[in-house]
Amino acid sequence: MIVELSPRKFAVPEFVLGSGASGLLPGYITRFGSKRVLLVSDEGLVKTGLVDRLVASMRGEGLIVEVYTGISPNPRSAEVRNGAAVYEEKGCEVIAAAGGGSVMDAAKGIGFMATNKRDILSFEGIDEVELPGPPLICIPTTSGTAADISQFAVINDTDRRTKIAIVSKKAIPDVALIDPDVTVTMSPELTAATGMDALTHAFEAHVSRAASPVCAVQALKAVSLCGQYLKRAVRDGKDQEARNGMTMASLFAGMAFSNAGLGAVHALAHPLGGQLDLPHGICNALLLEQVCAYNYPDAPAGYGELARSLAEGLCADGFCAQGLCAGGDENVKREAESVLRSKESPDADALLGLLAGLRSGLPLPKGLGEAGLSSEHIPELARKAWMDACLVTNPRKPDGKDLEALYARSL
């Protein structure tokens, strides 16, 4: 079948993928004709030794390096302002970011403030960034956020207790150095949360109102890889094949959602993360099933394709041979095999069963109530979610009561 194509623009940064890619950082900085670098990271990565290694490699090439590690999970607006002040005071010319989504999003915000001379919160929304930031090189240390290749940056507005989404092609980094070797220090909890973030990116991109055949290929492959490798990476962080697989899943999902947009899971997750200071991946993991059930009637074909791709990953060759198929859960294995054998498109129950099976056994809260959400928070969270830019591309248009119900069902 020939697919009808209308003109669409797709944007991704230059990226280098593979073991040792992070070692190319000094050379890329030099190519920009820059000498003074602001390295943005966090204290957790200082403890792993990665920050010291990167600083030594840059200084070894004659570069002047300033280090800013004042970034928290869910990066605060004040932390971005502080980083921008360091960038200005030290006369930096380029930014390198080594970390997870919080670090990379903060680095994007620092750059926007440096060139536009505006407060970080003024960039909220779609295409609100006038001038591009200085050159930005990202080294992702987690496998899920894909901030290293996406046109999104999410910052915690601590006054309003919500996260703002900045969506702009100017948020796409200049270079991403994607090195699975630097992800092996992730804890099982962080591996699970960021892996579910990658899965959610792929799911929302595939059923987005701005979905495309190009993004479909990327999203479906990402889902299959998550099904195959997520539980393995959680079980053994030094399983290099699993780390490579989740690195690829994050990359493919990132390319898909950056160009197709997201949906209600992210719209609901942003105020939730701001209210409870929860990791973004955990918010997504606990909302995904209920949003899929809500959206399914408006995108049954897309969700059916997602279910089949997830089943393929759960039953991948070699994975089952090791007794790890579907994470060792025989019920999930049977469900996945049933989906693959059927000539019919998987229904909502089959999809939700696979998602619940993937999430079972992962070191995540069982629901939003266990994560700290109280029913009294729900009306205000729903009001904030209603204003989130990610709702624009959700396949179904919810009202405020729908959003409240989705929070309540996820408790």
Protein backbone atom coordinates (compact mmCIF):
# COMPACT_ATOMS: atom_id res chain seq x y z
CA MET A 1 0.00 0.00 0.00
CA ILE A 2 1.32 3.45 -0.91
CA VAL A 3 0.97 5.91 1.94
CA GLU A 4 -0.19 9.39 1.00
CA LEU A 5 2.41 11.88 2.17
CA SER A 6 1.96 15.58 2.86
CA PRO A 7 5.01 17.81 3.39
CA ARG A 8 6.37 17.51 6.92
CA LYS A 9 9.55 18.81 8.48
CA PHE A 10 11.54 16.52 10.78
CA ALA A 11 14.27 17.86 13.05
CA VAL A 12 16.91 15.96 15.01
CA PRO A 13 20.39 17.08 16.06
CA GLU A 14 23.64 15.64 14.83
CA PHE A 15 24.29 12.66 17.06
CA VAL A 16 27.01 10.08 17.62
CA LEU A 17 25.76 6.76 18.94
CA GLY A 18 27.89 4.06 20.51
CA SER A 19 30.31 2.98 23.19
CA GLY A 20 32.84 5.72 23.92
CA ALA A 21 30.89 8.51 22.20
CA SER A 22 31.21 10.73 25.29
CA GLY A 23 34.97 10.88 24.70
CA LEU A 24 34.36 13.02 21.60
CA LEU A 25 33.24 16.01 23.68
CA PRO A 26 36.48 18.11 23.50
CA GLY A 27 36.70 17.76 19.74
CA TYR A 28 33.14 18.97 19.20
CA ILE A 29 33.67 21.99 21.44
CA THR A 30 36.77 22.89 19.46
CA ARG A 31 34.79 22.68 16.21
CA PHE A 32 32.53 25.45 17.48
CA GLY A 33 35.59 27.69 17.80
CA SER A 34 35.00 28.00 21.53
CA LYS A 35 37.45 27.95 24.41
CA ARG A 36 35.37 28.56 27.54
CA VAL A 37 32.81 25.88 28.40
CA LEU A 38 30.06 25.68 30.99
CA LEU A 39 29.63 22.01 31.97
CA VAL A 40 26.17 21.47 33.49
CA SER A 41 25.65 18.32 35.56
CA ASP A 42 24.50 17.24 39.03
CA GLU A 43 26.04 16.06 42.27
CA GLY A 44 25.04 12.46 41.68
CA LEU A 45 27.18 12.32 38.56
CA VAL A 46 30.04 14.01 40.38
CA LYS A 47 30.05 11.00 42.71
CA THR A 48 30.31 8.57 39.78
CA GLY A 49 33.49 10.27 38.57
CA LEU A 50 32.01 11.16 35.17
CA VAL A 51 32.21 14.93 35.72
CA ASP A 52 35.89 14.75 36.67
CA ARG A 53 36.65 12.61 33.62
CA LEU A 54 34.92 15.03 31.27
CA VAL A 55 36.61 18.06 32.84
CA ALA A 56 40.02 16.40 32.57
CA SER A 57 39.44 15.53 28.91
CA MET A 58 38.44 19.09 28.04
CA ARG A 59 41.25 20.74 29.99
CA GLY A 60 43.65 18.30 28.38
CA GLU A 61 42.75 19.91 25.05
CA GLY A 62 43.39 23.43 26.37
CA LEU A 63 39.75 24.33 27.05
CA ILE A 64 38.69 26.49 29.99
CA VAL A 65 35.94 24.70 31.91
CA GLU A 66 33.46 26.08 34.42
CA VAL A 67 31.33 23.50 36.22
CA TYR A 68 27.76 24.04 37.43
CA THR A 69 26.18 21.12 39.28
CA GLY A 70 23.34 22.87 41.11
CA ILE A 71 20.59 20.93 39.32
CA SER A 72 17.93 18.88 41.13
CA PRO A 73 15.64 16.23 39.74
CA ASN A 74 12.74 18.22 38.29
CA PRO A 75 14.99 21.26 37.63
CA ARG A 76 13.82 24.38 39.44
CA SER A 77 13.44 27.74 37.74
CA ALA A 78 15.83 29.25 40.32
CA GLU A 79 18.48 26.66 39.44
CA VAL A 80 18.28 27.65 35.79
CA ARG A 81 18.62 31.32 36.73
CA ASN A 82 21.68 30.54 38.84
CA GLY A 83 23.25 28.61 35.98
CA ALA A 84 22.61 31.46 33.57
CA ALA A 85 24.33 33.82 36.00
CA VAL A 86 27.40 31.55 36.11
CA TYR A 87 27.45 31.38 32.30
CA GLU A 88 27.43 35.17 32.06
CA GLU A 89 29.87 35.86 34.90
CA LYS A 90 32.47 33.42 33.56
CA GLY A 91 32.18 34.57 29.96
CA CYS A 92 31.28 31.11 28.63
CA GLU A 93 30.74 30.51 24.92
CA VAL A 94 29.35 26.98 24.77
CA ILE A 95 27.38 24.64 27.06
CA ALA A 96 27.98 20.93 27.61
CA ALA A 97 25.36 18.96 29.55
CA ALA A 98 26.08 15.57 31.09
CA GLY A 99 23.15 14.00 32.89
CA GLY A 100 19.56 12.94 32.65
CA GLY A 101 16.62 14.94 31.42
CA SER A 102 16.73 17.38 34.34
CA VAL A 103 20.31 18.41 33.59
CA MET A 104 19.78 18.68 29.84
CA ASP A 105 16.53 20.63 30.20
CA ALA A 106 18.22 23.02 32.62
CA ALA A 107 21.13 23.47 30.20
CA LYS A 108 18.67 24.41 27.45
CA GLY A 109 17.05 26.95 29.77
CA ILE A 110 20.42 28.43 30.74
CA GLY A 111 21.20 28.93 27.07
CA PHE A 112 17.84 30.56 26.35
CA MET A 113 18.31 33.03 29.19
CA ALA A 114 21.87 33.83 28.11
CA THR A 115 20.93 34.84 24.55
CA ASN A 116 17.41 36.19 24.98
CA LYS A 117 17.99 38.10 28.26
CA ARG A 118 14.60 36.92 29.54
CA ASP A 119 13.48 34.90 32.54
CA ILE A 120 13.21 31.16 32.06
CA LEU A 121 9.47 31.07 32.77
CA SER A 122 8.74 33.50 29.92
CA PHE A 123 9.51 30.76 27.36
CA GLU A 124 6.57 28.56 28.38
CA GLY A 125 4.51 27.20 25.51
CA ILE A 126 5.08 26.51 21.84
CA ASP A 127 7.57 28.58 19.81
CA GLU A 128 8.15 31.21 22.50
CA VAL A 129 11.96 31.18 22.17
CA GLU A 130 13.07 34.03 19.91
CA LEU A 131 16.84 33.51 19.71
CA PRO A 132 18.69 30.18 19.81
CA GLY A 133 20.95 29.54 22.76
CA PRO A 134 24.72 29.13 22.50
CA PRO A 135 26.05 25.84 21.10
CA LEU A 136 24.82 22.95 23.25
CA ILE A 137 26.34 19.45 23.39
CA CYS A 138 24.49 16.80 25.39
CA ILE A 139 25.72 13.55 26.90
CA PRO A 140 22.66 11.64 28.20
CA THR A 141 23.37 9.43 31.22
CA THR A 142 19.90 7.86 31.40
CA SER A 143 17.86 5.97 28.81
CA GLY A 144 14.44 7.55 28.60
CA THR A 145 14.09 11.32 28.58
CA ALA A 146 15.63 11.90 25.11
CA ALA A 147 16.19 15.55 26.02
CA ASP A 148 19.44 15.19 24.09
CA ILE A 149 17.57 15.09 20.77
CA SER A 150 14.16 16.63 21.42
CA GLN A 151 12.66 20.09 20.99
CA PHE A 152 11.23 20.01 24.53
CA ALA A 153 12.49 21.40 27.82
CA VAL A 154 10.53 21.01 31.06
CA ILE A 155 11.23 23.27 34.04
CA ASN A 156 9.66 23.26 37.51
CA ASP A 157 7.93 26.56 38.29
CA THR A 158 8.22 26.30 42.06
CA ASP A 159 5.92 29.27 42.73
CA ARG A 160 3.02 27.68 40.85
CA ARG A 161 4.08 24.13 41.83
CA THR A 162 3.86 22.88 38.28
CA LYS A 163 6.20 22.09 35.42
CA ILE A 164 6.20 24.28 32.35
CA ALA A 165 6.80 22.85 28.89
CA ILE A 166 9.01 24.82 26.51
CA VAL A 167 8.50 23.51 22.97
CA SER A 168 10.72 24.97 20.26
CA LYS A 169 13.05 23.71 17.56
CA LYS A 170 15.58 26.05 19.18
CA ALA A 171 15.57 23.59 22.10
CA ILE A 172 17.13 20.86 19.95
CA PRO A 173 20.79 20.51 20.98
CA ASP A 174 23.50 20.99 18.38
CA VAL A 175 25.11 17.62 19.09
CA ALA A 176 24.18 14.57 21.15
CA LEU A 177 26.91 12.13 22.19
CA ILE A 178 24.89 9.02 23.05
CA ASP A 179 27.10 6.61 24.96
CA PRO A 180 25.46 3.57 26.60
CA ASP A 181 28.59 3.07 28.73
CA VAL A 182 27.70 6.05 30.91
CA THR A 183 24.27 4.61 31.78
CA VAL A 184 25.54 1.59 33.71
CA THR A 185 25.66 3.47 37.03
CA MET A 186 21.88 4.00 37.04
CA SER A 187 20.08 2.39 39.96
CA PRO A 188 17.29 -0.15 39.28
CA GLU A 189 14.74 2.49 40.34
CA LEU A 190 16.09 5.10 37.93
CA THR A 191 16.39 2.53 35.15
CA ALA A 192 12.74 1.57 35.59
CA ALA A 193 11.48 5.16 35.73
CA THR A 194 13.42 6.38 32.70
CA GLY A 195 12.58 3.24 30.75
CA MET A 196 8.87 3.80 31.32
CA ASP A 197 9.43 7.40 30.20
CA ALA A 198 10.82 6.13 26.89
CA LEU A 199 7.87 3.76 26.50
CA THR A 200 5.41 6.59 27.16
CA HIS A 201 7.13 8.83 24.60
CA ALA A 202 6.73 6.12 21.97
CA PHE A 203 3.09 5.42 22.87
CA GLU A 204 2.04 9.05 22.79
CA ALA A 205 3.94 9.84 19.60
CA HIS A 206 2.35 6.92 17.74
CA VAL A 207 -1.24 7.97 18.46
CA SER A 208 -0.58 11.72 18.33
CA ARG A 209 -2.69 13.98 16.13
CA ALA A 210 0.62 14.90 14.46
CA ALA A 211 1.76 11.29 13.93
CA SER A 212 3.45 10.35 10.66
CA PRO A 213 4.76 7.22 8.91
CA VAL A 214 8.33 8.23 9.76
CA CYS A 215 7.57 8.61 13.46
CA ALA A 216 5.54 5.39 13.44
CA VAL A 217 8.59 3.32 12.50
CA GLN A 218 10.60 4.90 15.31
CA ALA A 219 7.86 4.65 17.93
CA LEU A 220 6.99 1.00 17.27
CA LYS A 221 10.64 -0.06 17.34
CA ALA A 222 11.12 1.79 20.64
CA VAL A 223 8.16 -0.06 22.16
CA SER A 224 9.52 -3.43 21.05
CA LEU A 225 12.94 -2.64 22.53
CA CYS A 226 11.39 -1.61 25.85
CA GLY A 227 9.47 -4.86 25.98
CA GLN A 228 12.63 -6.83 25.30
CA TYR A 229 15.20 -5.02 27.42
CA LEU A 230 13.67 -2.92 30.20
CA LYS A 231 13.33 -5.65 32.82
CA ARG A 232 16.74 -7.03 31.93
CA ALA A 233 18.36 -3.63 32.46
CA VAL A 234 16.57 -3.25 35.79
CA ARG A 235 17.62 -6.73 36.90
CA ASP A 236 21.28 -6.30 35.96
CA GLY A 237 22.56 -2.79 35.34
CA LYS A 238 25.79 -4.11 33.86
CA ASP A 239 24.00 -6.16 31.20
CA GLN A 240 25.55 -4.29 28.27
CA GLU A 241 23.15 -5.72 25.69
CA ALA A 242 20.20 -4.52 27.74
CA ARG A 243 21.78 -1.08 28.25
CA ASN A 244 22.42 -0.81 24.51
CA GLY A 245 18.83 -1.83 23.80
CA MET A 246 17.38 0.77 26.15
CA THR A 247 19.69 3.43 24.74
CA MET A 248 18.26 2.67 21.30
CA ALA A 249 14.72 2.68 22.68
CA SER A 250 15.24 6.13 24.17
CA LEU A 251 16.73 7.43 20.91
CA PHE A 252 13.94 6.11 18.68
CA ALA A 253 11.20 7.25 21.05
CA GLY A 254 12.83 10.66 21.33
CA MET A 255 12.96 11.17 17.58
CA ALA A 256 9.31 10.12 17.35
CA PHE A 257 7.86 12.36 20.05
CA SER A 258 10.04 15.36 19.23
CA ASN A 259 8.49 15.43 15.78
CA ALA A 260 5.00 14.06 16.49
CA GLY A 261 4.26 15.55 19.90
CA LEU A 262 2.94 13.94 23.08
CA GLY A 263 -0.42 13.70 24.79
CA ALA A 264 -2.47 13.48 27.95
CA VAL A 265 0.01 11.36 29.92
CA HIS A 266 2.55 14.15 29.80
CA ALA A 267 -0.06 16.87 30.32
CA LEU A 268 -1.13 15.12 33.52
CA ALA A 269 2.42 14.26 34.58
CA HIS A 270 3.80 17.80 34.46
CA PRO A 271 1.64 19.33 37.25
CA LEU A 272 1.81 16.06 39.19
CA GLY A 273 5.61 16.17 39.20
CA GLY A 274 5.54 19.81 40.23
CA GLN A 275 3.08 19.18 43.06
CA LEU A 276 4.72 16.08 44.54
CA ASP A 277 8.31 16.54 43.26
CA LEU A 278 8.08 13.06 41.75
CA PRO A 279 10.47 11.82 39.05
CA HIS A 280 8.87 12.37 35.66
CA GLY A 281 9.21 8.75 34.59
CA ILE A 282 7.31 7.54 37.66
CA CYS A 283 4.47 9.96 36.90
CA ASN A 284 4.26 8.65 33.34
CA ALA A 285 4.42 5.01 34.44
CA LEU A 286 1.49 5.43 36.83
CA LEU A 287 -0.70 7.34 34.35
CA LEU A 288 -0.03 5.49 31.10
CA GLU A 289 -2.51 2.63 31.43
CA GLN A 290 -5.48 4.81 32.35
CA VAL A 291 -4.77 7.29 29.56
CA CYS A 292 -4.48 4.43 27.04
CA ALA A 293 -7.86 3.09 28.18
CA TYR A 294 -9.38 6.57 27.82
CA ASN A 295 -7.87 7.27 24.39
CA TYR A 296 -8.32 3.80 22.90
CA PRO A 297 -11.78 4.37 21.29
CA ASP A 298 -10.36 7.28 19.28
CA ALA A 299 -7.21 5.47 18.07
CA PRO A 300 -7.85 1.69 18.14
CA ALA A 301 -5.62 0.90 15.14
CA GLY A 302 -2.66 2.80 16.57
CA TYR A 303 -2.99 1.24 20.00
CA GLY A 304 -3.37 -2.18 18.40
CA GLU A 305 -0.03 -1.68 16.63
CA LEU A 306 1.56 -0.62 19.90
CA ALA A 307 0.25 -3.72 21.66
CA ARG A 308 1.64 -5.99 18.95
CA SER A 309 5.06 -4.29 19.09
CA LEU A 310 5.16 -4.61 22.87
CA ALA A 311 4.24 -8.30 22.61
CA GLU A 312 7.02 -8.84 20.06
CA GLY A 313 9.53 -7.34 22.46
CA LEU A 314 8.30 -9.39 25.39
CA CYS A 315 8.67 -12.58 23.32
CA ALA A 316 11.88 -11.68 21.49
CA ASP A 317 14.12 -14.55 20.41
CA GLY A 318 16.90 -15.24 22.88
CA PHE A 319 15.06 -13.43 25.65
CA CYS A 320 12.66 -16.33 26.15
CA ALA A 321 15.50 -18.82 25.81
CA GLN A 322 17.07 -17.28 28.93
CA GLY A 323 13.86 -17.77 30.89
CA LEU A 324 13.38 -14.00 30.99
CA CYS A 325 10.50 -13.70 28.54
CA ALA A 326 8.05 -11.08 29.79
CA GLY A 327 10.26 -10.59 32.82
CA GLY A 328 9.81 -14.20 33.92
CA ASP A 329 6.02 -13.75 34.27
CA GLU A 330 4.30 -16.72 32.64
CA ASN A 331 0.90 -14.99 32.59
CA VAL A 332 2.34 -12.03 30.69
CA LYS A 333 4.15 -14.41 28.35
CA ARG A 334 0.88 -16.17 27.51
CA GLU A 335 -0.84 -12.82 26.97
CA ALA A 336 1.93 -11.66 24.64
CA GLU A 337 1.92 -14.91 22.69
CA SER A 338 -1.86 -14.70 22.34
CA VAL A 339 -1.58 -11.21 20.86
CA LEU A 340 1.01 -12.37 18.35
CA ARG A 341 -1.02 -15.44 17.30
CA SER A 342 -4.26 -13.55 16.79
CA LYS A 343 -5.15 -12.25 13.34
CA GLU A 344 -7.34 -9.61 14.95
CA SER A 345 -6.06 -6.26 16.16
CA PRO A 346 -5.47 -6.40 19.93
CA ASP A 347 -8.27 -4.85 21.95
CA ALA A 348 -7.93 -2.46 24.87
CA ASP A 349 -7.92 -5.27 27.44
CA ALA A 350 -5.02 -7.02 25.72
CA LEU A 351 -3.02 -3.79 25.57
CA LEU A 352 -3.65 -2.95 29.21
CA GLY A 353 -2.72 -6.49 30.23
CA LEU A 354 0.63 -6.21 28.49
CA LEU A 355 1.34 -2.81 30.05
CA ALA A 356 0.42 -4.03 33.51
CA GLY A 357 2.62 -7.08 32.99
CA LEU A 358 5.59 -4.99 31.93
CA ARG A 359 5.19 -2.70 34.92
CA SER A 360 4.71 -5.57 37.40
CA GLY A 361 7.86 -6.34 39.31
CA LEU A 362 9.51 -3.04 38.43
CA PRO A 363 10.66 -0.97 41.43
CA LEU A 364 7.87 1.60 41.05
CA PRO A 365 4.96 2.67 43.27
CA LYS A 366 1.77 0.71 42.68
CA GLY A 367 -0.31 3.82 42.12
CA LEU A 368 -0.42 7.59 42.56
CA GLY A 369 -1.80 7.21 46.09
CA GLU A 370 1.26 5.24 47.13
CA ALA A 371 3.38 7.94 45.45
CA GLY A 372 1.80 10.61 47.65
CA LEU A 373 -1.19 11.95 45.71
CA SER A 374 -4.29 12.84 47.71
CA SER A 375 -7.73 13.20 46.14
CA GLU A 376 -7.88 16.79 47.39
CA HIS A 377 -5.06 17.69 44.98
CA ILE A 378 -6.91 16.44 41.92
CA PRO A 379 -9.09 19.44 40.91
CA GLU A 380 -6.14 21.85 40.92
CA LEU A 381 -3.89 19.38 39.11
CA ALA A 382 -6.54 18.87 36.45
CA ARG A 383 -6.86 22.63 35.97
CA LYS A 384 -3.11 22.90 35.35
CA ALA A 385 -3.09 19.84 33.07
CA TRP A 386 -5.85 21.40 30.97
CA MET A 387 -3.48 24.27 30.12
CA ASP A 388 -0.51 22.05 29.21
CA ALA A 389 0.73 22.27 25.61
CA CYS A 390 0.97 18.47 25.33
CA LEU A 391 -2.82 18.13 25.23
CA VAL A 392 -2.88 19.69 21.76
CA THR A 393 -1.80 16.44 20.09
CA ASN A 394 -3.70 13.97 22.27
CA PRO A 395 -5.96 11.79 20.08
CA ARG A 396 -9.02 12.52 22.24
CA LYS A 397 -10.00 15.94 23.54
CA PRO A 398 -10.63 15.71 27.28
CA ASP A 399 -12.45 18.21 29.45
CA GLY A 400 -11.62 19.06 33.03
CA LYS A 401 -13.78 16.29 34.47
CA ASP A 402 -12.07 13.72 32.22
CA LEU A 403 -8.68 14.81 33.53
CA GLU A 404 -9.86 14.60 37.14
CA ALA A 405 -11.16 11.09 36.48
CA LEU A 406 -7.85 9.99 34.98
CA TYR A 407 -6.00 11.11 38.10
CA ALA A 408 -8.56 9.41 40.35
CA ARG A 409 -8.39 6.10 38.44
CA SER A 410 -4.60 6.13 38.73
CA LEU A 411 -4.65 6.38 42.54
